[in-house]
Amino acid sequence: NPGVEEPQHVVRTLPPSLAEGVAWLRSQQQETGRWADVEQTAVRDTTEALAALGIFGSDPGLELGANWLTGIEPESTDYLARRLEALALAGSPVTTAVVDLFARQNPDGGWGSTGSYQSSSTDTSLALKALVRAGQQQNSAALQAATYLSEHQNDDGGWGGSETFSMVQPSAHSLVALNPYENYPQILASLERGKSFLLAKQNTDGGFGNSPSTIYDSSSALLALGEVGASAVSTRKAVTYL
């Protein structure tokens, strides 16, 4: 991201340790309950941290982080969707957040950056993924969003910020969002094409990326491929890369 400098680090020579990774992430939580690389990314960083740490059991920091998220009013669809998903995973009340997100849905079934923007696959995938986590999978508006994503899949099988340029992250989010609808023939076909696109983005080093492999692309792809049941050969290579 422009203006965000990668922190200095020493390449690790010891075997990977989940326990040390969890401990590091917990240590980055601020007194207010949030996580933030920089001020502008606090919502994104807090939701990602809560989602990751929630896998490893209860922790006082999770409730503190959820409380911080409850007290903010995100302006963008991206942040509103991420907040809803994190609160749902934390078991916090989500009724208001669900209503707010549905209120921003466009007539075509998708979401844009805000309520006044045209729909995009990027924002729609994040919104639908969050609504599914919040138990809204069979809501008619959620089904309409799933149809939007399926119909706006690019010819190469991926999804992107624009409808003509597929990228790893929006494709990974779209696969996770659509996977609960695999019983619908049209969506099942989209899932298969999307999985093929994502697998084609795996590089020789085992990682994923739009060009060279990156940690975030590889993590997003690995989570998505796990959801849609990709072969263990591909996922093992990605795990080794990470």
Protein backbone atom coordinates (compact mmCIF):
# COMPACT_ATOMS: atom_id res chain seq x y z
CA ASN A 1 0.00 0.00 0.00
CA PRO A 2 1.37 3.44 -0.86
CA GLY A 3 2.81 5.13 2.20
CA VAL A 4 2.83 1.97 4.33
CA GLU A 5 6.35 0.73 4.96
CA GLU A 6 6.92 -2.94 5.66
CA PRO A 7 8.25 -3.35 9.22
CA GLN A 8 11.83 -4.47 9.65
CA HIS A 9 12.20 -8.15 10.39
CA VAL A 10 14.77 -10.91 10.66
CA VAL A 11 14.15 -14.00 8.54
CA ARG A 12 13.17 -16.89 10.80
CA THR A 13 15.40 -19.98 10.83
CA LEU A 14 13.44 -21.96 13.46
CA PRO A 15 10.49 -24.19 12.50
CA PRO A 16 7.16 -22.33 12.24
CA SER A 17 5.24 -21.96 15.50
CA LEU A 18 1.52 -21.21 15.66
CA ALA A 19 1.83 -20.49 19.37
CA GLU A 20 4.40 -17.77 18.75
CA GLY A 21 2.28 -16.31 15.96
CA VAL A 22 -0.76 -16.15 18.23
CA ALA A 23 1.29 -14.59 21.02
CA TRP A 24 2.64 -11.93 18.65
CA LEU A 25 -0.80 -11.07 17.33
CA ARG A 26 -2.23 -10.76 20.85
CA SER A 27 0.64 -8.49 21.84
CA GLN A 28 -0.28 -6.04 19.06
CA GLN A 29 -3.72 -5.26 20.50
CA GLN A 30 -4.04 -1.70 21.75
CA GLU A 31 -5.62 -0.64 25.05
CA THR A 32 -8.80 0.44 23.24
CA GLY A 33 -9.23 -3.11 21.95
CA ARG A 34 -8.33 -2.50 18.34
CA TRP A 35 -5.43 -3.57 16.15
CA ALA A 36 -3.91 -1.17 13.61
CA ASP A 37 -0.83 -1.10 11.41
CA VAL A 38 -1.75 2.51 10.72
CA GLU A 39 -4.76 4.63 11.71
CA GLN A 40 -6.54 4.17 8.39
CA THR A 41 -6.50 0.35 8.54
CA ALA A 42 -7.80 -0.11 12.10
CA VAL A 43 -11.13 -1.67 11.08
CA ARG A 44 -9.55 -4.08 8.63
CA ASP A 45 -6.75 -5.05 11.02
CA THR A 46 -9.08 -5.53 13.99
CA THR A 47 -11.52 -7.72 12.08
CA GLU A 48 -8.71 -9.85 10.64
CA ALA A 49 -7.10 -10.26 14.07
CA LEU A 50 -10.38 -11.26 15.71
CA ALA A 51 -11.14 -13.79 12.99
CA ALA A 52 -7.68 -15.34 13.32
CA LEU A 53 -7.50 -15.40 17.12
CA GLY A 54 -11.03 -16.74 17.45
CA ILE A 55 -9.82 -20.05 16.02
CA PHE A 56 -7.56 -20.54 19.03
CA GLY A 57 -10.21 -20.32 21.76
CA SER A 58 -11.65 -17.68 24.06
CA ASP A 59 -9.54 -14.76 25.20
CA PRO A 60 -10.36 -11.50 27.05
CA GLY A 61 -8.87 -9.57 24.14
CA LEU A 62 -11.52 -10.93 21.78
CA GLU A 63 -14.36 -9.39 23.75
CA LEU A 64 -12.47 -6.11 24.04
CA GLY A 65 -11.90 -6.06 20.29
CA ALA A 66 -15.54 -6.88 19.56
CA ASN A 67 -16.64 -4.05 21.86
CA TRP A 68 -14.43 -1.62 19.95
CA LEU A 69 -15.94 -2.75 16.64
CA THR A 70 -19.48 -2.39 17.99
CA GLY A 71 -18.85 1.23 18.87
CA ILE A 72 -17.75 2.39 15.42
CA GLU A 73 -19.74 3.25 12.30
CA PRO A 74 -17.82 2.19 9.16
CA GLU A 75 -18.41 4.31 6.07
CA SER A 76 -17.44 1.81 3.39
CA THR A 77 -19.10 -1.48 2.47
CA ASP A 78 -15.73 -3.18 2.83
CA TYR A 79 -15.37 -2.20 6.48
CA LEU A 80 -19.06 -2.71 7.30
CA ALA A 81 -18.91 -6.25 5.91
CA ARG A 82 -15.68 -7.06 7.71
CA ARG A 83 -17.12 -5.75 10.98
CA LEU A 84 -20.27 -7.86 10.59
CA GLU A 85 -18.26 -11.01 9.90
CA ALA A 86 -15.97 -10.46 12.88
CA LEU A 87 -18.88 -9.78 15.25
CA ALA A 88 -20.70 -12.88 14.01
CA LEU A 89 -17.62 -15.04 14.56
CA ALA A 90 -17.23 -13.55 18.05
CA GLY A 91 -20.84 -14.34 18.95
CA SER A 92 -21.73 -10.66 19.41
CA PRO A 93 -25.15 -9.18 18.46
CA VAL A 94 -25.27 -8.49 14.74
CA THR A 95 -28.89 -7.51 13.99
CA THR A 96 -28.13 -3.83 13.47
CA ALA A 97 -25.05 -4.57 11.35
CA VAL A 98 -27.08 -6.96 9.15
CA VAL A 99 -29.79 -4.33 8.60
CA ASP A 100 -27.17 -1.69 7.78
CA LEU A 101 -25.46 -3.92 5.21
CA PHE A 102 -28.69 -4.94 3.48
CA ALA A 103 -29.70 -1.27 3.31
CA ARG A 104 -26.67 -0.60 1.08
CA GLN A 105 -27.47 -3.35 -1.42
CA ASN A 106 -28.07 -2.16 -4.96
CA PRO A 107 -31.11 -3.24 -7.04
CA ASP A 108 -28.91 -5.59 -9.10
CA GLY A 109 -28.13 -7.62 -5.97
CA GLY A 110 -24.58 -6.39 -5.52
CA TRP A 111 -22.83 -3.83 -3.36
CA GLY A 112 -20.58 -0.93 -4.22
CA SER A 113 -17.98 0.88 -2.14
CA THR A 114 -20.78 2.89 -0.53
CA GLY A 115 -24.52 3.08 -1.09
CA SER A 116 -24.07 5.55 -3.96
CA TYR A 117 -21.57 3.47 -5.98
CA GLN A 118 -22.28 0.86 -8.62
CA SER A 119 -21.88 -2.78 -7.63
CA SER A 120 -18.54 -4.56 -7.80
CA SER A 121 -17.51 -8.16 -7.34
CA THR A 122 -15.03 -7.12 -4.65
CA ASP A 123 -17.56 -5.44 -2.36
CA THR A 124 -20.30 -7.96 -3.11
CA SER A 125 -18.13 -10.94 -2.19
CA LEU A 126 -17.15 -9.37 1.13
CA ALA A 127 -20.77 -8.48 1.91
CA LEU A 128 -22.16 -11.91 1.04
CA LYS A 129 -19.40 -13.70 2.94
CA ALA A 130 -20.25 -11.66 6.05
CA LEU A 131 -24.01 -12.23 5.69
CA VAL A 132 -23.49 -15.99 5.41
CA ARG A 133 -21.39 -15.93 8.60
CA ALA A 134 -24.26 -14.04 10.25
CA GLY A 135 -26.77 -16.76 9.37
CA GLN A 136 -28.42 -14.91 6.46
CA GLN A 137 -27.60 -17.51 3.82
CA GLN A 138 -31.21 -18.18 2.78
CA ASN A 139 -32.34 -14.57 2.89
CA SER A 140 -33.73 -13.68 -0.55
CA ALA A 141 -31.44 -10.66 -0.77
CA ALA A 142 -28.41 -12.87 -0.04
CA LEU A 143 -29.50 -15.29 -2.76
CA GLN A 144 -29.74 -12.34 -5.14
CA ALA A 145 -26.16 -11.41 -4.21
CA ALA A 146 -24.98 -14.96 -4.94
CA THR A 147 -26.61 -14.72 -8.37
CA TYR A 148 -24.90 -11.36 -8.97
CA LEU A 149 -21.47 -12.87 -8.22
CA SER A 150 -22.09 -15.89 -10.41
CA GLU A 151 -23.20 -13.70 -13.32
CA HIS A 152 -20.27 -11.29 -12.94
CA GLN A 153 -17.55 -13.91 -12.99
CA ASN A 154 -14.90 -13.08 -15.58
CA ASP A 155 -14.28 -15.27 -18.63
CA ASP A 156 -11.07 -16.60 -17.10
CA GLY A 157 -12.98 -17.90 -14.07
CA GLY A 158 -11.85 -15.25 -11.61
CA TRP A 159 -13.25 -12.08 -10.13
CA GLY A 160 -11.67 -8.66 -9.70
CA GLY A 161 -12.01 -5.07 -8.61
CA SER A 162 -13.04 -4.34 -12.19
CA GLU A 163 -15.02 -6.79 -14.27
CA THR A 164 -12.14 -7.25 -16.72
CA PHE A 165 -9.14 -7.96 -14.48
CA SER A 166 -9.28 -11.00 -12.21
CA MET A 167 -7.17 -11.04 -9.05
CA VAL A 168 -6.41 -13.55 -6.30
CA GLN A 169 -8.04 -11.86 -3.31
CA PRO A 170 -11.49 -11.00 -4.74
CA SER A 171 -11.57 -14.43 -6.36
CA ALA A 172 -10.78 -16.10 -3.05
CA HIS A 173 -13.47 -14.06 -1.25
CA SER A 174 -16.00 -14.90 -3.98
CA LEU A 175 -15.32 -18.62 -3.69
CA VAL A 176 -15.85 -18.55 0.08
CA ALA A 177 -19.03 -16.48 -0.32
CA LEU A 178 -20.51 -18.77 -3.01
CA ASN A 179 -19.51 -22.14 -1.55
CA PRO A 180 -22.63 -22.43 0.70
CA TYR A 181 -24.74 -22.25 -2.50
CA GLU A 182 -23.06 -25.17 -4.26
CA ASN A 183 -26.41 -27.01 -4.54
CA TYR A 184 -27.47 -24.49 -7.20
CA PRO A 185 -26.21 -25.80 -10.60
CA GLN A 186 -25.28 -22.36 -11.94
CA ILE A 187 -23.27 -21.53 -8.84
CA LEU A 188 -21.61 -24.94 -8.72
CA ALA A 189 -20.33 -24.29 -12.23
CA SER A 190 -19.00 -20.89 -11.10
CA LEU A 191 -17.25 -22.53 -8.15
CA GLU A 192 -15.50 -25.05 -10.38
CA ARG A 193 -14.32 -22.35 -12.79
CA GLY A 194 -13.25 -20.12 -9.89
CA LYS A 195 -11.28 -22.93 -8.28
CA SER A 196 -9.47 -23.59 -11.56
CA PHE A 197 -8.59 -19.90 -11.89
CA LEU A 198 -7.22 -19.74 -8.34
CA LEU A 199 -5.16 -22.90 -8.74
CA ALA A 200 -3.63 -21.41 -11.89
CA LYS A 201 -2.36 -18.51 -9.75
CA GLN A 202 -0.16 -20.84 -7.69
CA ASN A 203 3.51 -20.21 -8.45
CA THR A 204 6.40 -22.67 -8.50
CA ASP A 205 7.37 -21.67 -4.95
CA GLY A 206 3.98 -22.93 -3.71
CA GLY A 207 2.61 -19.49 -2.96
CA PHE A 208 -0.09 -17.52 -4.73
CA GLY A 209 -0.05 -14.07 -6.27
CA ASN A 210 -1.15 -11.96 -9.22
CA SER A 211 2.51 -12.00 -10.21
CA PRO A 212 5.06 -13.02 -7.55
CA SER A 213 3.75 -14.89 -4.52
CA THR A 214 2.73 -12.82 -1.51
CA ILE A 215 1.87 -13.88 2.01
CA TYR A 216 -1.58 -12.29 1.97
CA ASP A 217 -2.56 -13.70 -1.44
CA SER A 218 -1.31 -17.12 -0.40
CA SER A 219 -3.24 -17.02 2.88
CA SER A 220 -6.46 -15.89 1.17
CA ALA A 221 -6.12 -18.54 -1.55
CA LEU A 222 -5.35 -21.29 0.95
CA LEU A 223 -8.43 -20.48 3.05
CA ALA A 224 -10.64 -20.40 -0.04
CA LEU A 225 -9.29 -23.64 -1.50
CA GLY A 226 -9.82 -25.33 1.85
CA GLU A 227 -13.46 -24.25 1.76
CA VAL A 228 -14.09 -25.60 -1.74
CA GLY A 229 -12.22 -28.88 -1.24
CA ALA A 230 -9.14 -28.42 -3.41
CA SER A 231 -6.57 -31.20 -3.60
CA ALA A 232 -4.16 -31.63 -0.73
CA VAL A 233 -1.22 -31.36 -3.14
CA SER A 234 -1.90 -27.68 -3.83
CA THR A 235 -2.73 -26.78 -0.27
CA ARG A 236 0.35 -28.52 1.14
CA LYS A 237 2.57 -26.51 -1.21
CA ALA A 238 0.93 -23.29 -0.03
CA VAL A 239 1.35 -24.26 3.61
CA THR A 240 5.03 -24.94 2.98
CA TYR A 241 5.41 -21.53 1.32
CA LEU A 242 3.81 -19.77 4.31
